[in-house]
Amino acid sequence: MDHTEYVTQNSEKVRIFRYKITDSTNQRAREYAEEPGAYLPSVFVSEGQSAGRGRMGRHFDSERGAGIYMTFLFRPTDISDVGRITADTAVKVCRAIERVAPVSLDIKWVNDVYVGGKKLAGILTEAKFGAEYGLAEYVAVGVGINLKSRKFPDGLDKIATTLEDASGVAVSADDLIYPLIEEFFSRGEPSEFIAEYRRRSIAVGKRVLVSEHSGASYYADAVGITDGAGLLLSRDGEVRELFSGEISIKFEV
């Protein structure tokens, strides 16, 4: 592991930690955040992960050399930032990838980047909240992107793809590191990001299978996305907002 410093276009100084392989960049980031004198913002990048994680505790396939696996560690400036971080990150990931490859990307609520009806990238946001006022002490946002063409394990090829397969262009992790950092730390109006999130949504207007953290699952119609990035669902004549959980969409083939 070594680290360098990088200054973004908006003069944000970022410390970058790089690994050949680690268990999880989110884990490395969270441990670093607890160290005395930890410098934030920092970014943790690895060529592979032995214990990559997705949302709801799922394994995230992180074969060494096959993708880019990185975590952004920072302190949010406002408590209202936390609820929107995953949605804003999804938009920024799309922008960064489209800077280096000829693809047009979509977002499946709340945290997956899609192309051609298949998952290309995932986002995992974790935060530590202080006891006072419920403010976040830090936020770690993990991003995993499938880059190189390969055979996925356990039939994942039916639901996942790579940037090389989707674009016909071989993009390396080094090609994407700095575009991702630039986009992640870019500044913009919240309304701008949520408007783009809505435009890229592949959920709105579709019948979806909802899986809540409580274990409940049911079908509903996705009818909109709120300013806070919640998903509006219509079911049995009532519309409600889904704040957490996940959805499945059946794509026509």
C-alpha atoms as a PDB file:
ATOM      1  CA  MET A   1       0.000   0.000   0.000  1.00  0.00           C
ATOM      2  CA  ASP A   2       1.222   3.488  -0.823  1.00  0.00           C
ATOM      3  CA  HIS A   3      -0.389   6.881  -0.991  1.00  0.00           C
ATOM      4  CA  THR A   4      -0.190  10.014  -3.083  1.00  0.00           C
ATOM      5  CA  GLU A   5      -1.958  13.355  -3.024  1.00  0.00           C
ATOM      6  CA  TYR A   6      -4.054  14.794  -5.813  1.00  0.00           C
ATOM      7  CA  VAL A   7      -5.606  18.240  -6.222  1.00  0.00           C
ATOM      8  CA  THR A   8      -8.922  18.281  -8.072  1.00  0.00           C
ATOM      9  CA  GLN A   9     -10.063  20.966 -10.483  1.00  0.00           C
ATOM     10  CA  ASN A  10     -11.978  22.704  -7.697  1.00  0.00           C
ATOM     11  CA  SER A  11      -8.835  22.767  -5.506  1.00  0.00           C
ATOM     12  CA  GLU A  12      -9.909  19.882  -3.264  1.00  0.00           C
ATOM     13  CA  LYS A  13      -6.830  18.056  -1.979  1.00  0.00           C
ATOM     14  CA  VAL A  14      -7.426  14.307  -1.867  1.00  0.00           C
ATOM     15  CA  ARG A  15      -5.172  11.611  -0.447  1.00  0.00           C
ATOM     16  CA  ILE A  16      -5.154   8.405  -2.512  1.00  0.00           C
ATOM     17  CA  PHE A  17      -4.254   5.019  -0.993  1.00  0.00           C
ATOM     18  CA  ARG A  18      -3.595   2.180  -3.444  1.00  0.00           C
ATOM     19  CA  TYR A  19      -3.458  -1.598  -2.897  1.00  0.00           C
ATOM     20  CA  LYS A  20      -2.671  -4.599  -5.049  1.00  0.00           C
ATOM     21  CA  ILE A  21      -5.359  -6.527  -3.174  1.00  0.00           C
ATOM     22  CA  THR A  22      -7.277  -6.024   0.046  1.00  0.00           C
ATOM     23  CA  ASP A  23     -10.333  -7.504   1.719  1.00  0.00           C
ATOM     24  CA  SER A  24     -12.548  -4.462   1.131  1.00  0.00           C
ATOM     25  CA  THR A  25     -11.764  -0.841   0.300  1.00  0.00           C
ATOM     26  CA  ASN A  26     -14.743   0.213   2.448  1.00  0.00           C
ATOM     27  CA  GLN A  27     -13.207  -1.666   5.369  1.00  0.00           C
ATOM     28  CA  ARG A  28      -9.815  -0.014   4.787  1.00  0.00           C
ATOM     29  CA  ALA A  29     -11.496   3.391   4.643  1.00  0.00           C
ATOM     30  CA  ARG A  30     -13.520   2.891   7.813  1.00  0.00           C
ATOM     31  CA  GLU A  31     -10.502   1.687   9.772  1.00  0.00           C
ATOM     32  CA  TYR A  32      -8.432   4.626   8.548  1.00  0.00           C
ATOM     33  CA  ALA A  33     -11.189   7.071   9.542  1.00  0.00           C
ATOM     34  CA  GLU A  34     -10.852   5.905  13.154  1.00  0.00           C
ATOM     35  CA  GLU A  35      -7.105   6.620  13.269  1.00  0.00           C
ATOM     36  CA  PRO A  36      -5.931   9.772  15.082  1.00  0.00           C
ATOM     37  CA  GLY A  37      -5.118  12.467  12.560  1.00  0.00           C
ATOM     38  CA  ALA A  38      -6.786  10.691   9.636  1.00  0.00           C
ATOM     39  CA  TYR A  39      -6.824  12.936   6.571  1.00  0.00           C
ATOM     40  CA  LEU A  40     -10.196  13.405   4.910  1.00  0.00           C
ATOM     41  CA  PRO A  41     -11.093  13.400   2.084  1.00  0.00           C
ATOM     42  CA  SER A  42      -9.241  10.243   1.071  1.00  0.00           C
ATOM     43  CA  VAL A  43      -9.737   7.629  -1.627  1.00  0.00           C
ATOM     44  CA  PHE A  44      -8.879   3.922  -1.344  1.00  0.00           C
ATOM     45  CA  VAL A  45      -8.257   2.008  -4.577  1.00  0.00           C
ATOM     46  CA  SER A  46      -7.484  -1.694  -5.019  1.00  0.00           C
ATOM     47  CA  GLU A  47      -6.839  -3.941  -8.002  1.00  0.00           C
ATOM     48  CA  GLY A  48      -8.964  -6.621  -6.332  1.00  0.00           C
ATOM     49  CA  GLN A  49     -10.931  -7.455  -3.196  1.00  0.00           C
ATOM     50  CA  SER A  50     -11.042 -10.755  -1.352  1.00  0.00           C
ATOM     51  CA  ALA A  51     -14.197  -9.827   0.561  1.00  0.00           C
ATOM     52  CA  GLY A  52     -15.966  -7.223  -1.544  1.00  0.00           C
ATOM     53  CA  ARG A  53     -19.453  -6.388  -0.273  1.00  0.00           C
ATOM     54  CA  GLY A  54     -22.612  -5.077  -1.845  1.00  0.00           C
ATOM     55  CA  ARG A  55     -25.823  -3.853  -0.296  1.00  0.00           C
ATOM     56  CA  MET A  56     -27.762  -6.061   2.124  1.00  0.00           C
ATOM     57  CA  GLY A  57     -24.569  -7.992   2.933  1.00  0.00           C
ATOM     58  CA  ARG A  58     -24.184  -9.601  -0.486  1.00  0.00           C
ATOM     59  CA  HIS A  59     -20.823 -10.613  -1.946  1.00  0.00           C
ATOM     60  CA  PHE A  60     -19.537  -8.301  -4.684  1.00  0.00           C
ATOM     61  CA  ASP A  61     -17.419 -10.124  -7.262  1.00  0.00           C
ATOM     62  CA  SER A  62     -14.065  -8.288  -7.252  1.00  0.00           C
ATOM     63  CA  GLU A  63     -11.645 -10.353  -9.315  1.00  0.00           C
ATOM     64  CA  ARG A  64      -8.166  -8.845  -9.293  1.00  0.00           C
ATOM     65  CA  GLY A  65      -7.427  -6.900 -12.464  1.00  0.00           C
ATOM     66  CA  ALA A  66     -10.963  -7.245 -13.802  1.00  0.00           C
ATOM     67  CA  GLY A  67     -12.395  -3.979 -12.527  1.00  0.00           C
ATOM     68  CA  ILE A  68     -11.893  -0.890 -10.425  1.00  0.00           C
ATOM     69  CA  TYR A  69     -12.728  -1.042  -6.735  1.00  0.00           C
ATOM     70  CA  MET A  70     -12.513   2.176  -4.755  1.00  0.00           C
ATOM     71  CA  THR A  71     -13.935   3.957  -1.728  1.00  0.00           C
ATOM     72  CA  PHE A  72     -14.376   7.688  -1.187  1.00  0.00           C
ATOM     73  CA  LEU A  73     -13.994   8.719   2.462  1.00  0.00           C
ATOM     74  CA  PHE A  74     -15.112  12.187   3.533  1.00  0.00           C
ATOM     75  CA  ARG A  75     -17.078  14.239   6.026  1.00  0.00           C
ATOM     76  CA  PRO A  76     -20.435  15.517   4.750  1.00  0.00           C
ATOM     77  CA  THR A  77     -21.023  19.200   5.242  1.00  0.00           C
ATOM     78  CA  ASP A  78     -24.670  18.840   6.209  1.00  0.00           C
ATOM     79  CA  ILE A  79     -26.896  16.130   7.673  1.00  0.00           C
ATOM     80  CA  SER A  80     -29.200  16.408   4.660  1.00  0.00           C
ATOM     81  CA  ASP A  81     -26.321  15.308   2.419  1.00  0.00           C
ATOM     82  CA  VAL A  82     -26.302  11.732   3.695  1.00  0.00           C
ATOM     83  CA  GLY A  83     -29.630  10.595   2.259  1.00  0.00           C
ATOM     84  CA  ARG A  84     -28.695  11.752  -1.234  1.00  0.00           C
ATOM     85  CA  ILE A  85     -25.085  10.598  -1.374  1.00  0.00           C
ATOM     86  CA  THR A  86     -25.741   7.248  -3.076  1.00  0.00           C
ATOM     87  CA  ALA A  87     -27.971   8.793  -5.738  1.00  0.00           C
ATOM     88  CA  ASP A  88     -25.538  11.629  -6.436  1.00  0.00           C
ATOM     89  CA  THR A  89     -22.663   9.141  -6.633  1.00  0.00           C
ATOM     90  CA  ALA A  90     -24.536   7.035  -9.179  1.00  0.00           C
ATOM     91  CA  VAL A  91     -24.878  10.088 -11.425  1.00  0.00           C
ATOM     92  CA  LYS A  92     -21.204  10.970 -11.015  1.00  0.00           C
ATOM     93  CA  VAL A  93     -20.105   7.402 -11.775  1.00  0.00           C
ATOM     94  CA  CYS A  94     -22.143   7.495 -14.981  1.00  0.00           C
ATOM     95  CA  ARG A  95     -20.538  10.787 -15.995  1.00  0.00           C
ATOM     96  CA  ALA A  96     -17.006   9.520 -15.304  1.00  0.00           C
ATOM     97  CA  ILE A  97     -17.481   6.302 -17.281  1.00  0.00           C
ATOM     98  CA  GLU A  98     -19.046   8.138 -20.217  1.00  0.00           C
ATOM     99  CA  ARG A  99     -15.953  10.380 -20.331  1.00  0.00           C
ATOM    100  CA  VAL A 100     -13.719   7.416 -21.196  1.00  0.00           C
ATOM    101  CA  ALA A 101     -15.983   5.007 -23.099  1.00  0.00           C
ATOM    102  CA  PRO A 102     -18.707   5.312 -25.792  1.00  0.00           C
ATOM    103  CA  VAL A 103     -21.654   4.122 -23.686  1.00  0.00           C
ATOM    104  CA  SER A 104     -24.932   5.561 -22.455  1.00  0.00           C
ATOM    105  CA  LEU A 105     -25.645   4.517 -18.883  1.00  0.00           C
ATOM    106  CA  ASP A 106     -28.767   4.078 -16.779  1.00  0.00           C
ATOM    107  CA  ILE A 107     -29.411   3.846 -13.042  1.00  0.00           C
ATOM    108  CA  LYS A 108     -31.504   1.240 -11.273  1.00  0.00           C
ATOM    109  CA  TRP A 109     -32.760   2.614  -7.975  1.00  0.00           C
ATOM    110  CA  VAL A 110     -30.991   3.130  -5.768  1.00  0.00           C
ATOM    111  CA  ASN A 111     -27.359   2.214  -6.300  1.00  0.00           C
ATOM    112  CA  ASP A 112     -26.724   0.238  -9.507  1.00  0.00           C
ATOM    113  CA  VAL A 113     -25.377   1.525 -12.825  1.00  0.00           C
ATOM    114  CA  TYR A 114     -26.749  -0.363 -15.820  1.00  0.00           C
ATOM    115  CA  VAL A 115     -26.059  -0.618 -19.526  1.00  0.00           C
ATOM    116  CA  GLY A 116     -28.179  -2.598 -21.965  1.00  0.00           C
ATOM    117  CA  GLY A 117     -30.302  -4.030 -19.151  1.00  0.00           C
ATOM    118  CA  LYS A 118     -27.299  -5.452 -17.255  1.00  0.00           C
ATOM    119  CA  LYS A 119     -25.453  -4.291 -14.165  1.00  0.00           C
ATOM    120  CA  LEU A 120     -22.122  -2.596 -14.813  1.00  0.00           C
ATOM    121  CA  ALA A 121     -21.349  -1.044 -11.426  1.00  0.00           C
ATOM    122  CA  GLY A 122     -22.546  -0.986  -7.839  1.00  0.00           C
ATOM    123  CA  ILE A 123     -22.321   1.496  -4.984  1.00  0.00           C
ATOM    124  CA  LEU A 124     -22.227   0.840  -1.238  1.00  0.00           C
ATOM    125  CA  THR A 125     -22.582   3.779   1.154  1.00  0.00           C
ATOM    126  CA  GLU A 126     -21.720   3.385   4.830  1.00  0.00           C
ATOM    127  CA  ALA A 127     -21.618   6.073   7.512  1.00  0.00           C
ATOM    128  CA  LYS A 128     -20.721   6.480  11.159  1.00  0.00           C
ATOM    129  CA  PHE A 129     -23.054   8.767  13.057  1.00  0.00           C
ATOM    130  CA  GLY A 130     -22.081  10.606  16.209  1.00  0.00           C
ATOM    131  CA  ALA A 131     -24.246  10.544  19.322  1.00  0.00           C
ATOM    132  CA  GLU A 132     -24.769  14.283  19.199  1.00  0.00           C
ATOM    133  CA  TYR A 133     -27.433  15.580  16.787  1.00  0.00           C
ATOM    134  CA  GLY A 134     -27.137  12.450  14.641  1.00  0.00           C
ATOM    135  CA  LEU A 135     -24.488  14.059  12.434  1.00  0.00           C
ATOM    136  CA  ALA A 136     -22.244  11.799  10.349  1.00  0.00           C
ATOM    137  CA  GLU A 137     -18.646  11.660  11.543  1.00  0.00           C
ATOM    138  CA  TYR A 138     -17.654  10.287   8.155  1.00  0.00           C
ATOM    139  CA  VAL A 139     -19.115   8.600   5.095  1.00  0.00           C
ATOM    140  CA  ALA A 140     -17.465   5.826   3.050  1.00  0.00           C
ATOM    141  CA  VAL A 141     -18.830   5.363  -0.462  1.00  0.00           C
ATOM    142  CA  GLY A 142     -17.617   2.218  -2.213  1.00  0.00           C
ATOM    143  CA  VAL A 143     -17.757   1.943  -6.001  1.00  0.00           C
ATOM    144  CA  GLY A 144     -17.119  -1.253  -7.965  1.00  0.00           C
ATOM    145  CA  ILE A 145     -17.076  -1.215 -11.773  1.00  0.00           C
ATOM    146  CA  ASN A 146     -16.684  -4.249 -14.060  1.00  0.00           C
ATOM    147  CA  LEU A 147     -14.080  -3.305 -16.671  1.00  0.00           C
ATOM    148  CA  LYS A 148     -12.502  -6.259 -18.480  1.00  0.00           C
ATOM    149  CA  SER A 149     -14.409  -8.873 -20.455  1.00  0.00           C
ATOM    150  CA  ARG A 150     -14.569 -12.136 -18.528  1.00  0.00           C
ATOM    151  CA  LYS A 151     -16.787 -15.049 -17.573  1.00  0.00           C
ATOM    152  CA  PHE A 152     -18.748 -14.259 -14.440  1.00  0.00           C
ATOM    153  CA  PRO A 153     -19.209 -16.929 -11.775  1.00  0.00           C
ATOM    154  CA  ASP A 154     -22.534 -18.591 -10.939  1.00  0.00           C
ATOM    155  CA  GLY A 155     -24.364 -17.422 -14.039  1.00  0.00           C
ATOM    156  CA  LEU A 156     -23.942 -13.741 -13.258  1.00  0.00           C
ATOM    157  CA  ASP A 157     -23.394 -13.131 -16.975  1.00  0.00           C
ATOM    158  CA  LYS A 158     -27.186 -13.105 -17.343  1.00  0.00           C
ATOM    159  CA  ILE A 159     -27.512 -10.019 -15.158  1.00  0.00           C
ATOM    160  CA  ALA A 160     -24.042  -8.406 -15.211  1.00  0.00           C
ATOM    161  CA  THR A 161     -21.737  -7.064 -17.905  1.00  0.00           C
ATOM    162  CA  THR A 162     -18.396  -5.321 -18.303  1.00  0.00           C
ATOM    163  CA  LEU A 163     -17.421  -1.994 -19.809  1.00  0.00           C
ATOM    164  CA  GLU A 164     -15.329  -3.746 -22.444  1.00  0.00           C
ATOM    165  CA  ASP A 165     -18.255  -5.923 -23.519  1.00  0.00           C
ATOM    166  CA  ALA A 166     -20.695  -3.001 -23.512  1.00  0.00           C
ATOM    167  CA  SER A 167     -18.497  -0.496 -25.323  1.00  0.00           C
ATOM    168  CA  GLY A 168     -15.996  -2.536 -27.305  1.00  0.00           C
ATOM    169  CA  VAL A 169     -13.247  -0.444 -25.698  1.00  0.00           C
ATOM    170  CA  ALA A 170     -10.628  -1.727 -23.245  1.00  0.00           C
ATOM    171  CA  VAL A 171     -10.574   0.729 -20.312  1.00  0.00           C
ATOM    172  CA  SER A 172      -8.089   0.241 -17.477  1.00  0.00           C
ATOM    173  CA  ALA A 173      -8.523   1.140 -13.836  1.00  0.00           C
ATOM    174  CA  ASP A 174      -5.906   3.867 -14.263  1.00  0.00           C
ATOM    175  CA  ASP A 175      -8.001   5.371 -17.074  1.00  0.00           C
ATOM    176  CA  LEU A 176     -10.916   5.800 -14.666  1.00  0.00           C
ATOM    177  CA  ILE A 177      -9.371   6.727 -11.298  1.00  0.00           C
ATOM    178  CA  TYR A 178      -8.985  10.435 -11.922  1.00  0.00           C
ATOM    179  CA  PRO A 179     -12.244  10.969 -13.857  1.00  0.00           C
ATOM    180  CA  LEU A 180     -14.051   9.275 -10.948  1.00  0.00           C
ATOM    181  CA  ILE A 181     -12.276  11.459  -8.372  1.00  0.00           C
ATOM    182  CA  GLU A 182     -12.943  14.615 -10.394  1.00  0.00           C
ATOM    183  CA  GLU A 183     -16.638  13.814 -10.781  1.00  0.00           C
ATOM    184  CA  PHE A 184     -17.105  12.670  -7.181  1.00  0.00           C
ATOM    185  CA  PHE A 185     -15.704  15.882  -5.734  1.00  0.00           C
ATOM    186  CA  SER A 186     -17.335  18.124  -8.324  1.00  0.00           C
ATOM    187  CA  ARG A 187     -19.767  20.695  -7.065  1.00  0.00           C
ATOM    188  CA  GLY A 188     -23.260  21.282  -8.343  1.00  0.00           C
ATOM    189  CA  GLU A 189     -26.778  22.121  -7.321  1.00  0.00           C
ATOM    190  CA  PRO A 190     -28.688  19.257  -5.667  1.00  0.00           C
ATOM    191  CA  SER A 191     -31.524  19.838  -8.115  1.00  0.00           C
ATOM    192  CA  GLU A 192     -29.125  19.234 -11.020  1.00  0.00           C
ATOM    193  CA  PHE A 193     -28.078  15.802  -9.752  1.00  0.00           C
ATOM    194  CA  ILE A 194     -31.577  14.613  -8.878  1.00  0.00           C
ATOM    195  CA  ALA A 195     -32.884  15.748 -12.274  1.00  0.00           C
ATOM    196  CA  GLU A 196     -30.195  13.700 -14.009  1.00  0.00           C
ATOM    197  CA  TYR A 197     -30.864  10.771 -11.677  1.00  0.00           C
ATOM    198  CA  ARG A 198     -34.509  10.836 -12.787  1.00  0.00           C
ATOM    199  CA  ARG A 199     -33.542  11.029 -16.475  1.00  0.00           C
ATOM    200  CA  ARG A 200     -31.292   8.003 -16.136  1.00  0.00           C
ATOM    201  CA  SER A 201     -33.779   5.937 -14.116  1.00  0.00           C
ATOM    202  CA  ILE A 202     -34.839   2.590 -15.570  1.00  0.00           C
ATOM    203  CA  ALA A 203     -37.292   1.953 -12.742  1.00  0.00           C
ATOM    204  CA  VAL A 204     -39.859   4.703 -13.209  1.00  0.00           C
ATOM    205  CA  GLY A 205     -42.764   3.523 -15.325  1.00  0.00           C
ATOM    206  CA  LYS A 206     -42.115  -0.162 -14.665  1.00  0.00           C
ATOM    207  CA  ARG A 207     -43.637  -2.901 -12.538  1.00  0.00           C
ATOM    208  CA  VAL A 208     -41.013  -3.827  -9.954  1.00  0.00           C
ATOM    209  CA  LEU A 209     -40.511  -6.434  -7.262  1.00  0.00           C
ATOM    210  CA  VAL A 210     -39.741  -4.660  -3.989  1.00  0.00           C
ATOM    211  CA  SER A 211     -37.632  -6.301  -1.263  1.00  0.00           C
ATOM    212  CA  GLU A 212     -37.610  -4.447   2.037  1.00  0.00           C
ATOM    213  CA  HIS A 213     -35.053  -4.840   4.838  1.00  0.00           C
ATOM    214  CA  SER A 214     -37.827  -6.284   7.002  1.00  0.00           C
ATOM    215  CA  GLY A 215     -38.009  -9.261   4.653  1.00  0.00           C
ATOM    216  CA  ALA A 216     -41.299  -8.209   3.075  1.00  0.00           C
ATOM    217  CA  SER A 217     -41.544  -8.429  -0.711  1.00  0.00           C
ATOM    218  CA  TYR A 218     -44.292  -7.384  -3.107  1.00  0.00           C
ATOM    219  CA  TYR A 219     -44.968  -6.037  -6.596  1.00  0.00           C
ATOM    220  CA  ALA A 220     -45.680  -2.358  -7.184  1.00  0.00           C
ATOM    221  CA  ASP A 221     -45.535   0.242  -9.947  1.00  0.00           C
ATOM    222  CA  ALA A 222     -42.609   2.686  -9.760  1.00  0.00           C
ATOM    223  CA  VAL A 223     -44.121   6.076 -10.552  1.00  0.00           C
ATOM    224  CA  GLY A 224     -41.472   8.627  -9.591  1.00  0.00           C
ATOM    225  CA  ILE A 225     -38.410   9.669  -7.616  1.00  0.00           C
ATOM    226  CA  THR A 226     -38.563  12.301  -4.893  1.00  0.00           C
ATOM    227  CA  ASP A 227     -36.106  15.149  -4.342  1.00  0.00           C
ATOM    228  CA  GLY A 228     -34.568  13.038  -1.568  1.00  0.00           C
ATOM    229  CA  ALA A 229     -34.014  10.135  -4.016  1.00  0.00           C
ATOM    230  CA  GLY A 230     -36.811   8.023  -2.532  1.00  0.00           C
ATOM    231  CA  LEU A 231     -38.746   5.791  -4.925  1.00  0.00           C
ATOM    232  CA  LEU A 232     -42.463   6.483  -5.262  1.00  0.00           C
ATOM    233  CA  LEU A 233     -44.475   3.268  -5.487  1.00  0.00           C
ATOM    234  CA  SER A 234     -48.107   2.806  -6.425  1.00  0.00           C
ATOM    235  CA  ARG A 235     -49.812  -0.250  -4.921  1.00  0.00           C
ATOM    236  CA  ASP A 236     -53.470  -1.035  -4.322  1.00  0.00           C
ATOM    237  CA  GLY A 237     -54.449   2.523  -5.158  1.00  0.00           C
ATOM    238  CA  GLU A 238     -52.002   4.116  -2.718  1.00  0.00           C
ATOM    239  CA  VAL A 239     -48.704   5.880  -3.377  1.00  0.00           C
ATOM    240  CA  ARG A 240     -45.896   5.624  -0.835  1.00  0.00           C
ATOM    241  CA  GLU A 241     -42.211   6.497  -0.742  1.00  0.00           C
ATOM    242  CA  LEU A 242     -39.572   3.783  -0.398  1.00  0.00           C
ATOM    243  CA  PHE A 243     -36.473   5.043   1.412  1.00  0.00           C
ATOM    244  CA  SER A 244     -34.475   1.826   1.678  1.00  0.00           C
ATOM    245  CA  GLY A 245     -34.498  -1.713   0.363  1.00  0.00           C
ATOM    246  CA  GLU A 246     -34.095  -2.791  -3.242  1.00  0.00           C
ATOM    247  CA  ILE A 247     -36.063  -3.537  -6.374  1.00  0.00           C
ATOM    248  CA  SER A 248     -35.891  -6.058  -9.200  1.00  0.00           C
ATOM    249  CA  ILE A 249     -36.913  -5.289 -12.751  1.00  0.00           C
ATOM    250  CA  LYS A 250     -37.687  -7.835 -15.424  1.00  0.00           C
ATOM    251  CA  PHE A 251     -36.190  -6.656 -18.710  1.00  0.00           C
ATOM    252  CA  GLU A 252     -37.579  -7.700 -22.068  1.00  0.00           C
ATOM    253  CA  VAL A 253     -35.142  -9.801 -24.101  1.00  0.00           C
END
